[in-house]
Every structure is written in structure tokens, then in C-alpha cells.
Amino acid sequence: MASTNNLPPMSEEQRALALEKAGAARRQRAEIKALLKTGSLTLAEVFEQAETSDIVAGTKVYPLLASMPHTGKIKAKRLMEDLRIAENRKIRGLGSRQREDLLMTFA
């Protein structure tokens, strides 16, 4: 069976750097979700951070909403369906109306 890996070969050093970069991004996203859960960070502040941070902008909306206080996976899914936001949508892919609607919901 032929390999479908079209990625260029990486040296061990390049691989280690990529793994570290990916780990740092996961930690930052987890920290944002934890701060949202405790109420230390608002959704508006996350949207502001997304303007300058590619890592934040690349965060999926669904896990973010599920991390909001008093909002679990079911409420987050229903809210996204009501606002016509795709389940795999990232912050950078939200339209201005969708952002407004989310901010009004959590105001």
C-alpha cells in the first residue's frame, strides 16, 4: 500500500520544534477555556485577543462556548444551531453578525 503522506521529510530538530509549538498552542487554548469557565475572561475579551493572536483566532467556537459558565455541550450545540454557526467554525471564521449575536447572548 502506498504512503499518502505528502509532507516533506523533517529532521528530528524540526519535528521537536513543531511538537513544542503545537503543545504551546494547546496549552494557550486550554488556559483560555479555563479562564472562561471561571469567569476571569469574557467572550468579548477572547474576540479581542483573536484580532492579534493566530492561536486564539484558530480556536474552534464550540469548545469555547461549552467552556462558558452555565453552558455545557448541549447548550453550546443548540446555541450554535440557533445562530447558524457551523460546528467546526473557528473564531476567525465568524461573521460580524455571528459575533454580535454571541456577545449579546453572553452579555
PDB file of N, CA and C in Angstrom:
ATOM      1  N   MET A   1       0.847  -1.172   0.000  1.00  0.00           N
ATOM      2  CA  MET A   1       0.000   0.000   0.000  1.00  0.00           C
ATOM      3  C   MET A   1       0.896   1.240   0.000  1.00  0.00           C
ATOM      4  N   ALA A   2       0.598   2.196  -0.863  1.00  0.00           N
ATOM      5  CA  ALA A   2       1.415   3.404  -0.987  1.00  0.00           C
ATOM      6  C   ALA A   2       1.121   4.366   0.154  1.00  0.00           C
ATOM      7  N   SER A   3       2.160   5.085   0.544  1.00  0.00           N
ATOM      8  CA  SER A   3       2.008   6.068   1.609  1.00  0.00           C
ATOM      9  C   SER A   3       1.292   7.305   1.073  1.00  0.00           C
ATOM     10  N   THR A   4       0.356   7.856   1.858  1.00  0.00           N
ATOM     11  CA  THR A   4      -0.365   9.060   1.452  1.00  0.00           C
ATOM     12  C   THR A   4       0.203  10.288   2.147  1.00  0.00           C
ATOM     13  N   ASN A   5       1.354  10.142   2.780  1.00  0.00           N
ATOM     14  CA  ASN A   5       1.989  11.240   3.485  1.00  0.00           C
ATOM     15  C   ASN A   5       2.713  12.131   2.483  1.00  0.00           C
ATOM     16  N   ASN A   6       2.146  13.308   2.208  1.00  0.00           N
ATOM     17  CA  ASN A   6       2.733  14.228   1.248  1.00  0.00           C
ATOM     18  C   ASN A   6       3.561  15.314   1.927  1.00  0.00           C
ATOM     19  N   LEU A   7       3.810  15.169   3.209  1.00  0.00           N
ATOM     20  CA  LEU A   7       4.588  16.155   3.937  1.00  0.00           C
ATOM     21  C   LEU A   7       6.067  15.980   3.631  1.00  0.00           C
ATOM     22  N   PRO A   8       6.792  17.088   3.573  1.00  0.00           N
ATOM     23  CA  PRO A   8       8.231  16.953   3.348  1.00  0.00           C
ATOM     24  C   PRO A   8       8.887  16.311   4.566  1.00  0.00           C
ATOM     25  N   PRO A   9       9.967  15.590   4.355  1.00  0.00           N
ATOM     26  CA  PRO A   9      10.638  14.971   5.495  1.00  0.00           C
ATOM     27  C   PRO A   9      11.182  16.053   6.436  1.00  0.00           C
ATOM     28  N   MET A  10      11.102  15.769   7.731  1.00  0.00           N
ATOM     29  CA  MET A  10      11.570  16.723   8.732  1.00  0.00           C
ATOM     30  C   MET A  10      12.718  16.107   9.514  1.00  0.00           C
ATOM     31  N   SER A  11      13.644  16.962   9.893  1.00  0.00           N
ATOM     32  CA  SER A  11      14.717  16.481  10.753  1.00  0.00           C
ATOM     33  C   SER A  11      14.155  16.325  12.168  1.00  0.00           C
ATOM     34  N   GLU A  12      14.878  15.635  13.006  1.00  0.00           N
ATOM     35  CA  GLU A  12      14.437  15.462  14.388  1.00  0.00           C
ATOM     36  C   GLU A  12      14.300  16.810  15.089  1.00  0.00           C
ATOM     37  N   GLU A  13      15.193  17.731  14.766  1.00  0.00           N
ATOM     38  CA  GLU A  13      15.150  19.065  15.377  1.00  0.00           C
ATOM     39  C   GLU A  13      13.892  19.823  14.932  1.00  0.00           C
ATOM     40  N   GLN A  14      13.570  19.741  13.656  1.00  0.00           N
ATOM     41  CA  GLN A  14      12.368  20.392  13.143  1.00  0.00           C
ATOM     42  C   GLN A  14      11.114  19.774  13.758  1.00  0.00           C
ATOM     43  N   ARG A  15      11.118  18.463  13.882  1.00  0.00           N
ATOM     44  CA  ARG A  15       9.977  17.755  14.462  1.00  0.00           C
ATOM     45  C   ARG A  15       9.784  18.176  15.918  1.00  0.00           C
ATOM     46  N   ALA A  16      10.878  18.277  16.675  1.00  0.00           N
ATOM     47  CA  ALA A  16      10.810  18.683  18.083  1.00  0.00           C
ATOM     48  C   ALA A  16      10.268  20.107  18.205  1.00  0.00           C
ATOM     49  N   LEU A  17      10.711  21.003  17.307  1.00  0.00           N
ATOM     50  CA  LEU A  17      10.220  22.383  17.324  1.00  0.00           C
ATOM     51  C   LEU A  17       8.720  22.432  17.011  1.00  0.00           C
ATOM     52  N   ALA A  18       8.297  21.647  16.034  1.00  0.00           N
ATOM     53  CA  ALA A  18       6.879  21.621  15.670  1.00  0.00           C
ATOM     54  C   ALA A  18       6.032  21.077  16.811  1.00  0.00           C
ATOM     55  N   LEU A  19       6.525  20.033  17.476  1.00  0.00           N
ATOM     56  CA  LEU A  19       5.794  19.471  18.615  1.00  0.00           C
ATOM     57  C   LEU A  19       5.689  20.477  19.755  1.00  0.00           C
ATOM     58  N   GLU A  20       6.738  21.211  20.017  1.00  0.00           N
ATOM     59  CA  GLU A  20       6.728  22.219  21.071  1.00  0.00           C
ATOM     60  C   GLU A  20       5.751  23.346  20.735  1.00  0.00           C
ATOM     61  N   LYS A  21       5.766  23.767  19.476  1.00  0.00           N
ATOM     62  CA  LYS A  21       4.863  24.838  19.036  1.00  0.00           C
ATOM     63  C   LYS A  21       3.402  24.396  19.174  1.00  0.00           C
ATOM     64  N   ALA A  22       3.105  23.166  18.757  1.00  0.00           N
ATOM     65  CA  ALA A  22       1.745  22.635  18.863  1.00  0.00           C
ATOM     66  C   ALA A  22       1.326  22.502  20.320  1.00  0.00           C
ATOM     67  N   GLY A  23       2.243  22.063  21.166  1.00  0.00           N
ATOM     68  CA  GLY A  23       1.943  21.933  22.593  1.00  0.00           C
ATOM     69  C   GLY A  23       1.657  23.281  23.227  1.00  0.00           C
ATOM     70  N   ALA A  24       2.417  24.295  22.843  1.00  0.00           N
ATOM     71  CA  ALA A  24       2.200  25.643  23.373  1.00  0.00           C
ATOM     72  C   ALA A  24       0.825  26.172  22.954  1.00  0.00           C
ATOM     73  N   ALA A  25       0.425  25.894  21.718  1.00  0.00           N
ATOM     74  CA  ALA A  25      -0.886  26.331  21.240  1.00  0.00           C
ATOM     75  C   ALA A  25      -1.998  25.635  22.019  1.00  0.00           C
ATOM     76  N   ARG A  26      -1.858  24.333  22.255  1.00  0.00           N
ATOM     77  CA  ARG A  26      -2.875  23.596  23.023  1.00  0.00           C
ATOM     78  C   ARG A  26      -2.976  24.129  24.442  1.00  0.00           C
ATOM     79  N   ARG A  27      -1.809  24.436  25.055  1.00  0.00           N
ATOM     80  CA  ARG A  27      -1.828  24.979  26.422  1.00  0.00           C
ATOM     81  C   ARG A  27      -2.517  26.337  26.460  1.00  0.00           C
ATOM     82  N   GLN A  28      -2.258  27.187  25.467  1.00  0.00           N
ATOM     83  CA  GLN A  28      -2.882  28.514  25.442  1.00  0.00           C
ATOM     84  C   GLN A  28      -4.395  28.394  25.277  1.00  0.00           C
ATOM     85  N   ARG A  29      -4.836  27.509  24.394  1.00  0.00           N
ATOM     86  CA  ARG A  29      -6.278  27.316  24.200  1.00  0.00           C
ATOM     87  C   ARG A  29      -6.926  26.764  25.466  1.00  0.00           C
ATOM     88  N   ALA A  30      -6.259  25.836  26.133  1.00  0.00           N
ATOM     89  CA  ALA A  30      -6.792  25.272  27.380  1.00  0.00           C
ATOM     90  C   ALA A  30      -6.877  26.348  28.460  1.00  0.00           C
ATOM     91  N   GLU A  31      -5.887  27.227  28.515  1.00  0.00           N
ATOM     92  CA  GLU A  31      -5.890  28.306  29.505  1.00  0.00           C
ATOM     93  C   GLU A  31      -7.058  29.260  29.251  1.00  0.00           C
ATOM     94  N   ILE A  32      -7.305  29.583  27.994  1.00  0.00           N
ATOM     95  CA  ILE A  32      -8.427  30.464  27.650  1.00  0.00           C
ATOM     96  C   ILE A  32      -9.743  29.837  28.083  1.00  0.00           C
ATOM     97  N   LYS A  33      -9.915  28.547  27.802  1.00  0.00           N
ATOM     98  CA  LYS A  33     -11.158  27.868  28.184  1.00  0.00           C
ATOM     99  C   LYS A  33     -11.313  27.826  29.699  1.00  0.00           C
ATOM    100  N   ALA A  34     -10.221  27.613  30.418  1.00  0.00           N
ATOM    101  CA  ALA A  34     -10.286  27.590  31.884  1.00  0.00           C
ATOM    102  C   ALA A  34     -10.663  28.966  32.430  1.00  0.00           C
ATOM    103  N   LEU A  35     -10.094  30.022  31.859  1.00  0.00           N
ATOM    104  CA  LEU A  35     -10.418  31.381  32.304  1.00  0.00           C
ATOM    105  C   LEU A  35     -11.869  31.738  31.990  1.00  0.00           C
ATOM    106  N   LEU A  36     -12.370  31.285  30.859  1.00  0.00           N
ATOM    107  CA  LEU A  36     -13.780  31.498  30.534  1.00  0.00           C
ATOM    108  C   LEU A  36     -14.670  30.789  31.547  1.00  0.00           C
ATOM    109  N   LYS A  37     -14.318  29.564  31.885  1.00  0.00           N
ATOM    110  CA  LYS A  37     -15.103  28.749  32.805  1.00  0.00           C
ATOM    111  C   LYS A  37     -15.232  29.425  34.172  1.00  0.00           C
ATOM    112  N   THR A  38     -14.131  30.046  34.631  1.00  0.00           N
ATOM    113  CA  THR A  38     -14.153  30.691  35.946  1.00  0.00           C
ATOM    114  C   THR A  38     -14.725  32.102  35.895  1.00  0.00           C
ATOM    115  N   GLY A  39     -14.924  32.646  34.703  1.00  0.00           N
ATOM    116  CA  GLY A  39     -15.448  33.996  34.577  1.00  0.00           C
ATOM    117  C   GLY A  39     -14.365  35.059  34.628  1.00  0.00           C
ATOM    118  N   SER A  40     -13.102  34.657  34.644  1.00  0.00           N
ATOM    119  CA  SER A  40     -11.992  35.613  34.671  1.00  0.00           C
ATOM    120  C   SER A  40     -11.775  36.273  33.318  1.00  0.00           C
ATOM    121  N   LEU A  41     -12.343  35.694  32.285  1.00  0.00           N
ATOM    122  CA  LEU A  41     -12.191  36.199  30.924  1.00  0.00           C
ATOM    123  C   LEU A  41     -13.574  36.193  30.284  1.00  0.00           C
ATOM    124  N   THR A  42     -13.885  37.231  29.521  1.00  0.00           N
ATOM    125  CA  THR A  42     -15.175  37.289  28.844  1.00  0.00           C
ATOM    126  C   THR A  42     -15.020  36.902  27.380  1.00  0.00           C
ATOM    127  N   LEU A  43     -16.134  36.598  26.765  1.00  0.00           N
ATOM    128  CA  LEU A  43     -16.117  36.245  25.348  1.00  0.00           C
ATOM    129  C   LEU A  43     -15.648  37.439  24.514  1.00  0.00           C
ATOM    130  N   ALA A  44     -16.026  38.638  24.910  1.00  0.00           N
ATOM    131  CA  ALA A  44     -15.581  39.840  24.196  1.00  0.00           C
ATOM    132  C   ALA A  44     -14.061  39.965  24.247  1.00  0.00           C
ATOM    133  N   GLU A  45     -13.473  39.655  25.386  1.00  0.00           N
ATOM    134  CA  GLU A  45     -12.015  39.714  25.520  1.00  0.00           C
ATOM    135  C   GLU A  45     -11.334  38.658  24.647  1.00  0.00           C
ATOM    136  N   VAL A  46     -11.962  37.507  24.528  1.00  0.00           N
ATOM    137  CA  VAL A  46     -11.410  36.460  23.655  1.00  0.00           C
ATOM    138  C   VAL A  46     -11.443  36.925  22.207  1.00  0.00           C
ATOM    139  N   PHE A  47     -12.545  37.552  21.803  1.00  0.00           N
ATOM    140  CA  PHE A  47     -12.635  38.061  20.434  1.00  0.00           C
ATOM    141  C   PHE A  47     -11.581  39.141  20.187  1.00  0.00           C
ATOM    142  N   GLU A  48     -11.309  39.977  21.193  1.00  0.00           N
ATOM    143  CA  GLU A  48     -10.265  40.995  21.058  1.00  0.00           C
ATOM    144  C   GLU A  48      -8.897  40.339  20.897  1.00  0.00           C
ATOM    145  N   GLN A  49      -8.633  39.299  21.692  1.00  0.00           N
ATOM    146  CA  GLN A  49      -7.351  38.595  21.583  1.00  0.00           C
ATOM    147  C   GLN A  49      -7.201  37.943  20.218  1.00  0.00           C
ATOM    148  N   ALA A  50      -8.305  37.492  19.650  1.00  0.00           N
ATOM    149  CA  ALA A  50      -8.267  36.816  18.343  1.00  0.00           C
ATOM    150  C   ALA A  50      -7.809  37.754  17.230  1.00  0.00           C
ATOM    151  N   GLU A  51      -7.966  39.061  17.449  1.00  0.00           N
ATOM    152  CA  GLU A  51      -7.535  40.029  16.441  1.00  0.00           C
ATOM    153  C   GLU A  51      -6.016  40.032  16.272  1.00  0.00           C
ATOM    154  N   THR A  52      -5.295  39.714  17.349  1.00  0.00           N
ATOM    155  CA  THR A  52      -3.837  39.791  17.305  1.00  0.00           C
ATOM    156  C   THR A  52      -3.135  38.446  17.425  1.00  0.00           C
ATOM    157  N   SER A  53      -3.855  37.414  17.814  1.00  0.00           N
ATOM    158  CA  SER A  53      -3.232  36.107  18.031  1.00  0.00           C
ATOM    159  C   SER A  53      -3.808  35.058  17.085  1.00  0.00           C
ATOM    160  N   ASP A  54      -2.950  34.475  16.261  1.00  0.00           N
ATOM    161  CA  ASP A  54      -3.399  33.413  15.360  1.00  0.00           C
ATOM    162  C   ASP A  54      -3.868  32.185  16.124  1.00  0.00           C
ATOM    163  N   ILE A  55      -3.244  31.921  17.261  1.00  0.00           N
ATOM    164  CA  ILE A  55      -3.627  30.757  18.053  1.00  0.00           C
ATOM    165  C   ILE A  55      -5.052  30.916  18.572  1.00  0.00           C
ATOM    166  N   VAL A  56      -5.366  32.095  19.100  1.00  0.00           N
ATOM    167  CA  VAL A  56      -6.715  32.349  19.605  1.00  0.00           C
ATOM    168  C   VAL A  56      -7.704  32.365  18.444  1.00  0.00           C
ATOM    169  N   ALA A  57      -7.340  33.005  17.338  1.00  0.00           N
ATOM    170  CA  ALA A  57      -8.230  33.081  16.174  1.00  0.00           C
ATOM    171  C   ALA A  57      -8.530  31.698  15.612  1.00  0.00           C
ATOM    172  N   GLY A  58      -7.607  30.761  15.773  1.00  0.00           N
ATOM    173  CA  GLY A  58      -7.792  29.411  15.259  1.00  0.00           C
ATOM    174  C   GLY A  58      -8.516  28.482  16.215  1.00  0.00           C
ATOM    175  N   THR A  59      -8.976  29.012  17.331  1.00  0.00           N
ATOM    176  CA  THR A  59      -9.706  28.204  18.314  1.00  0.00           C
ATOM    177  C   THR A  59     -11.119  27.963  17.810  1.00  0.00           C
ATOM    178  N   LYS A  60     -11.586  26.738  17.936  1.00  0.00           N
ATOM    179  CA  LYS A  60     -12.945  26.415  17.498  1.00  0.00           C
ATOM    180  C   LYS A  60     -13.958  27.018  18.473  1.00  0.00           C
ATOM    181  N   VAL A  61     -15.076  27.479  17.928  1.00  0.00           N
ATOM    182  CA  VAL A  61     -16.091  28.171  18.709  1.00  0.00           C
ATOM    183  C   VAL A  61     -16.816  27.214  19.654  1.00  0.00           C
ATOM    184  N   TYR A  62     -17.130  26.015  19.200  1.00  0.00           N
ATOM    185  CA  TYR A  62     -17.913  25.081  20.014  1.00  0.00           C
ATOM    186  C   TYR A  62     -17.265  24.787  21.372  1.00  0.00           C
ATOM    187  N   PRO A  63     -15.978  24.391  21.434  1.00  0.00           N
ATOM    188  CA  PRO A  63     -15.400  24.137  22.753  1.00  0.00           C
ATOM    189  C   PRO A  63     -15.326  25.405  23.613  1.00  0.00           C
ATOM    190  N   LEU A  64     -15.199  26.547  22.958  1.00  0.00           N
ATOM    191  CA  LEU A  64     -15.166  27.817  23.682  1.00  0.00           C
ATOM    192  C   LEU A  64     -16.509  28.062  24.368  1.00  0.00           C
ATOM    193  N   LEU A  65     -17.599  27.883  23.604  1.00  0.00           N
ATOM    194  CA  LEU A  65     -18.933  28.102  24.174  1.00  0.00           C
ATOM    195  C   LEU A  65     -19.247  27.075  25.256  1.00  0.00           C
ATOM    196  N   ALA A  66     -18.818  25.844  25.047  1.00  0.00           N
ATOM    197  CA  ALA A  66     -19.053  24.800  26.051  1.00  0.00           C
ATOM    198  C   ALA A  66     -18.302  25.103  27.344  1.00  0.00           C
ATOM    199  N   SER A  67     -17.270  25.951  27.273  1.00  0.00           N
ATOM    200  CA  SER A  67     -16.489  26.323  28.450  1.00  0.00           C
ATOM    201  C   SER A  67     -17.091  27.502  29.206  1.00  0.00           C
ATOM    202  N   MET A  68     -18.077  28.155  28.628  1.00  0.00           N
ATOM    203  CA  MET A  68     -18.679  29.308  29.286  1.00  0.00           C
ATOM    204  C   MET A  68     -19.440  28.857  30.527  1.00  0.00           C
ATOM    205  N   PRO A  69     -19.474  29.723  31.560  1.00  0.00           N
ATOM    206  CA  PRO A  69     -20.230  29.367  32.769  1.00  0.00           C
ATOM    207  C   PRO A  69     -21.695  29.102  32.433  1.00  0.00           C
ATOM    208  N   HIS A  70     -22.257  28.094  33.050  1.00  0.00           N
ATOM    209  CA  HIS A  70     -23.669  27.702  32.882  1.00  0.00           C
ATOM    210  C   HIS A  70     -23.995  27.259  31.466  1.00  0.00           C
ATOM    211  N   THR A  71     -22.989  26.893  30.704  1.00  0.00           N
ATOM    212  CA  THR A  71     -23.199  26.413  29.339  1.00  0.00           C
ATOM    213  C   THR A  71     -22.402  25.130  29.177  1.00  0.00           C
ATOM    214  N   GLY A  72     -23.086  24.077  28.839  1.00  0.00           N
ATOM    215  CA  GLY A  72     -22.403  22.813  28.600  1.00  0.00           C
ATOM    216  C   GLY A  72     -22.407  22.491  27.122  1.00  0.00           C
ATOM    217  N   LYS A  73     -22.109  21.252  26.827  1.00  0.00           N
ATOM    218  CA  LYS A  73     -22.016  20.827  25.436  1.00  0.00           C
ATOM    219  C   LYS A  73     -23.357  20.932  24.709  1.00  0.00           C
ATOM    220  N   ILE A  74     -24.446  20.547  25.398  1.00  0.00           N
ATOM    221  CA  ILE A  74     -25.772  20.563  24.763  1.00  0.00           C
ATOM    222  C   ILE A  74     -26.228  21.989  24.483  1.00  0.00           C
ATOM    223  N   LYS A  75     -26.100  22.871  25.473  1.00  0.00           N
ATOM    224  CA  LYS A  75     -26.499  24.269  25.265  1.00  0.00           C
ATOM    225  C   LYS A  75     -25.646  24.928  24.193  1.00  0.00           C
ATOM    226  N   ALA A  76     -24.356  24.624  24.191  1.00  0.00           N
ATOM    227  CA  ALA A  76     -23.465  25.198  23.189  1.00  0.00           C
ATOM    228  C   ALA A  76     -23.874  24.746  21.791  1.00  0.00           C
ATOM    229  N   LYS A  77     -24.182  23.469  21.653  1.00  0.00           N
ATOM    230  CA  LYS A  77     -24.588  22.935  20.344  1.00  0.00           C
ATOM    231  C   LYS A  77     -25.898  23.573  19.883  1.00  0.00           C
ATOM    232  N   ARG A  78     -26.863  23.689  20.798  1.00  0.00           N
ATOM    233  CA  ARG A  78     -28.147  24.313  20.441  1.00  0.00           C
ATOM    234  C   ARG A  78     -27.965  25.775  20.053  1.00  0.00           C
ATOM    235  N   LEU A  79     -27.148  26.482  20.808  1.00  0.00           N
ATOM    236  CA  LEU A  79     -26.902  27.889  20.521  1.00  0.00           C
ATOM    237  C   LEU A  79     -26.275  28.058  19.145  1.00  0.00           C
ATOM    238  N   MET A  80     -25.301  27.217  18.840  1.00  0.00           N
ATOM    239  CA  MET A  80     -24.654  27.305  17.530  1.00  0.00           C
ATOM    240  C   MET A  80     -25.642  26.996  16.409  1.00  0.00           C
ATOM    241  N   GLU A  81     -26.528  26.039  16.629  1.00  0.00           N
ATOM    242  CA  GLU A  81     -27.546  25.737  15.619  1.00  0.00           C
ATOM    243  C   GLU A  81     -28.495  26.913  15.457  1.00  0.00           C
ATOM    244  N   ASP A  82     -28.924  27.509  16.584  1.00  0.00           N
ATOM    245  CA  ASP A  82     -29.840  28.656  16.536  1.00  0.00           C
ATOM    246  C   ASP A  82     -29.223  29.844  15.808  1.00  0.00           C
ATOM    247  N   LEU A  83     -27.929  30.057  15.995  1.00  0.00           N
ATOM    248  CA  LEU A  83     -27.238  31.189  15.380  1.00  0.00           C
ATOM    249  C   LEU A  83     -26.647  30.839  14.014  1.00  0.00           C
ATOM    250  N   ARG A  84     -26.912  29.632  13.566  1.00  0.00           N
ATOM    251  CA  ARG A  84     -26.430  29.147  12.263  1.00  0.00           C
ATOM    252  C   ARG A  84     -24.910  29.231  12.149  1.00  0.00           C
ATOM    253  N   ILE A  85     -24.249  28.732  13.183  1.00  0.00           N
ATOM    254  CA  ILE A  85     -22.789  28.668  13.184  1.00  0.00           C
ATOM    255  C   ILE A  85     -22.404  27.205  12.999  1.00  0.00           C
ATOM    256  N   ALA A  86     -21.576  26.926  12.028  1.00  0.00           N
ATOM    257  CA  ALA A  86     -21.145  25.550  11.760  1.00  0.00           C
ATOM    258  C   ALA A  86     -20.391  25.001  12.969  1.00  0.00           C
ATOM    259  N   GLU A  87     -20.547  23.723  13.224  1.00  0.00           N
ATOM    260  CA  GLU A  87     -19.940  23.088  14.402  1.00  0.00           C
ATOM    261  C   GLU A  87     -18.412  23.162  14.388  1.00  0.00           C
ATOM    262  N   ASN A  88     -17.815  23.203  13.217  1.00  0.00           N
ATOM    263  CA  ASN A  88     -16.350  23.229  13.123  1.00  0.00           C
ATOM    264  C   ASN A  88     -15.791  24.639  12.900  1.00  0.00           C
ATOM    265  N   ARG A  89     -16.634  25.667  13.082  1.00  0.00           N
ATOM    266  CA  ARG A  89     -16.222  27.053  12.830  1.00  0.00           C
ATOM    267  C   ARG A  89     -15.191  27.521  13.858  1.00  0.00           C
ATOM    268  N   LYS A  90     -14.204  28.240  13.368  1.00  0.00           N
ATOM    269  CA  LYS A  90     -13.187  28.831  14.238  1.00  0.00           C
ATOM    270  C   LYS A  90     -13.514  30.306  14.439  1.00  0.00           C
ATOM    271  N   ILE A  91     -12.919  30.909  15.456  1.00  0.00           N
ATOM    272  CA  ILE A  91     -13.220  32.310  15.757  1.00  0.00           C
ATOM    273  C   ILE A  91     -12.977  33.190  14.545  1.00  0.00           C
ATOM    274  N   ARG A  92     -11.864  32.963  13.839  1.00  0.00           N
ATOM    275  CA  ARG A  92     -11.550  33.826  12.687  1.00  0.00           C
ATOM    276  C   ARG A  92     -12.584  33.695  11.581  1.00  0.00           C
ATOM    277  N   GLY A  93     -13.358  32.635  11.568  1.00  0.00           N
ATOM    278  CA  GLY A  93     -14.348  32.410  10.524  1.00  0.00           C
ATOM    279  C   GLY A  93     -15.735  32.927  10.855  1.00  0.00           C
ATOM    280  N   LEU A  94     -15.905  33.515  12.043  1.00  0.00           N
ATOM    281  CA  LEU A  94     -17.216  34.051  12.412  1.00  0.00           C
ATOM    282  C   LEU A  94     -17.481  35.355  11.670  1.00  0.00           C
ATOM    283  N   GLY A  95     -18.715  35.515  11.242  1.00  0.00           N
ATOM    284  CA  GLY A  95     -19.115  36.780  10.639  1.00  0.00           C
ATOM    285  C   GLY A  95     -19.387  37.809  11.729  1.00  0.00           C
ATOM    286  N   SER A  96     -19.466  39.066  11.346  1.00  0.00           N
ATOM    287  CA  SER A  96     -19.687  40.120  12.337  1.00  0.00           C
ATOM    288  C   SER A  96     -21.035  39.943  13.028  1.00  0.00           C
ATOM    289  N   ARG A  97     -22.036  39.515  12.292  1.00  0.00           N
ATOM    290  CA  ARG A  97     -23.370  39.297  12.888  1.00  0.00           C
ATOM    291  C   ARG A  97     -23.325  38.141  13.893  1.00  0.00           C
ATOM    292  N   GLN A  98     -22.609  37.078  13.549  1.00  0.00           N
ATOM    293  CA  GLN A  98     -22.488  35.940  14.463  1.00  0.00           C
ATOM    294  C   GLN A  98     -21.773  36.350  15.741  1.00  0.00           C
ATOM    295  N   ARG A  99     -20.725  37.158  15.624  1.00  0.00           N
ATOM    296  CA  ARG A  99     -20.018  37.649  16.813  1.00  0.00           C
ATOM    297  C   ARG A  99     -20.951  38.480  17.687  1.00  0.00           C
ATOM    298  N   GLU A 100     -21.693  39.389  17.039  1.00  0.00           N
ATOM    299  CA  GLU A 100     -22.649  40.233  17.778  1.00  0.00           C
ATOM    300  C   GLU A 100     -23.656  39.377  18.526  1.00  0.00           C
ATOM    301  N   ASP A 101     -24.205  38.392  17.831  1.00  0.00           N
ATOM    302  CA  ASP A 101     -25.220  37.523  18.443  1.00  0.00           C
ATOM    303  C   ASP A 101     -24.654  36.764  19.632  1.00  0.00           C
ATOM    304  N   LEU A 102     -23.433  36.260  19.504  1.00  0.00           N
ATOM    305  CA  LEU A 102     -22.800  35.545  20.620  1.00  0.00           C
ATOM    306  C   LEU A 102     -22.554  36.486  21.797  1.00  0.00           C
ATOM    307  N   LEU A 103     -22.081  37.679  21.513  1.00  0.00           N
ATOM    308  CA  LEU A 103     -21.813  38.650  22.584  1.00  0.00           C
ATOM    309  C   LEU A 103     -23.106  39.050  23.289  1.00  0.00           C
ATOM    310  N   MET A 104     -24.186  39.204  22.549  1.00  0.00           N
ATOM    311  CA  MET A 104     -25.470  39.555  23.162  1.00  0.00           C
ATOM    312  C   MET A 104     -25.990  38.394  24.010  1.00  0.00           C
ATOM    313  N   THR A 105     -25.765  37.182  23.559  1.00  0.00           N
ATOM    314  CA  THR A 105     -26.224  36.012  24.299  1.00  0.00           C
ATOM    315  C   THR A 105     -25.530  35.913  25.652  1.00  0.00           C
ATOM    316  N   PHE A 106     -24.236  36.242  25.697  1.00  0.00           N
ATOM    317  CA  PHE A 106     -23.462  36.092  26.929  1.00  0.00           C
ATOM    318  C   PHE A 106     -23.229  37.409  27.653  1.00  0.00           C
ATOM    319  N   ALA A 107     -23.971  38.448  27.270  1.00  0.00           N
ATOM    320  CA  ALA A 107     -23.816  39.759  27.935  1.00  0.00           C
ATOM    321  C   ALA A 107     -24.475  39.760  29.307  1.00  0.00           C
TER     322      ALA A 107
END
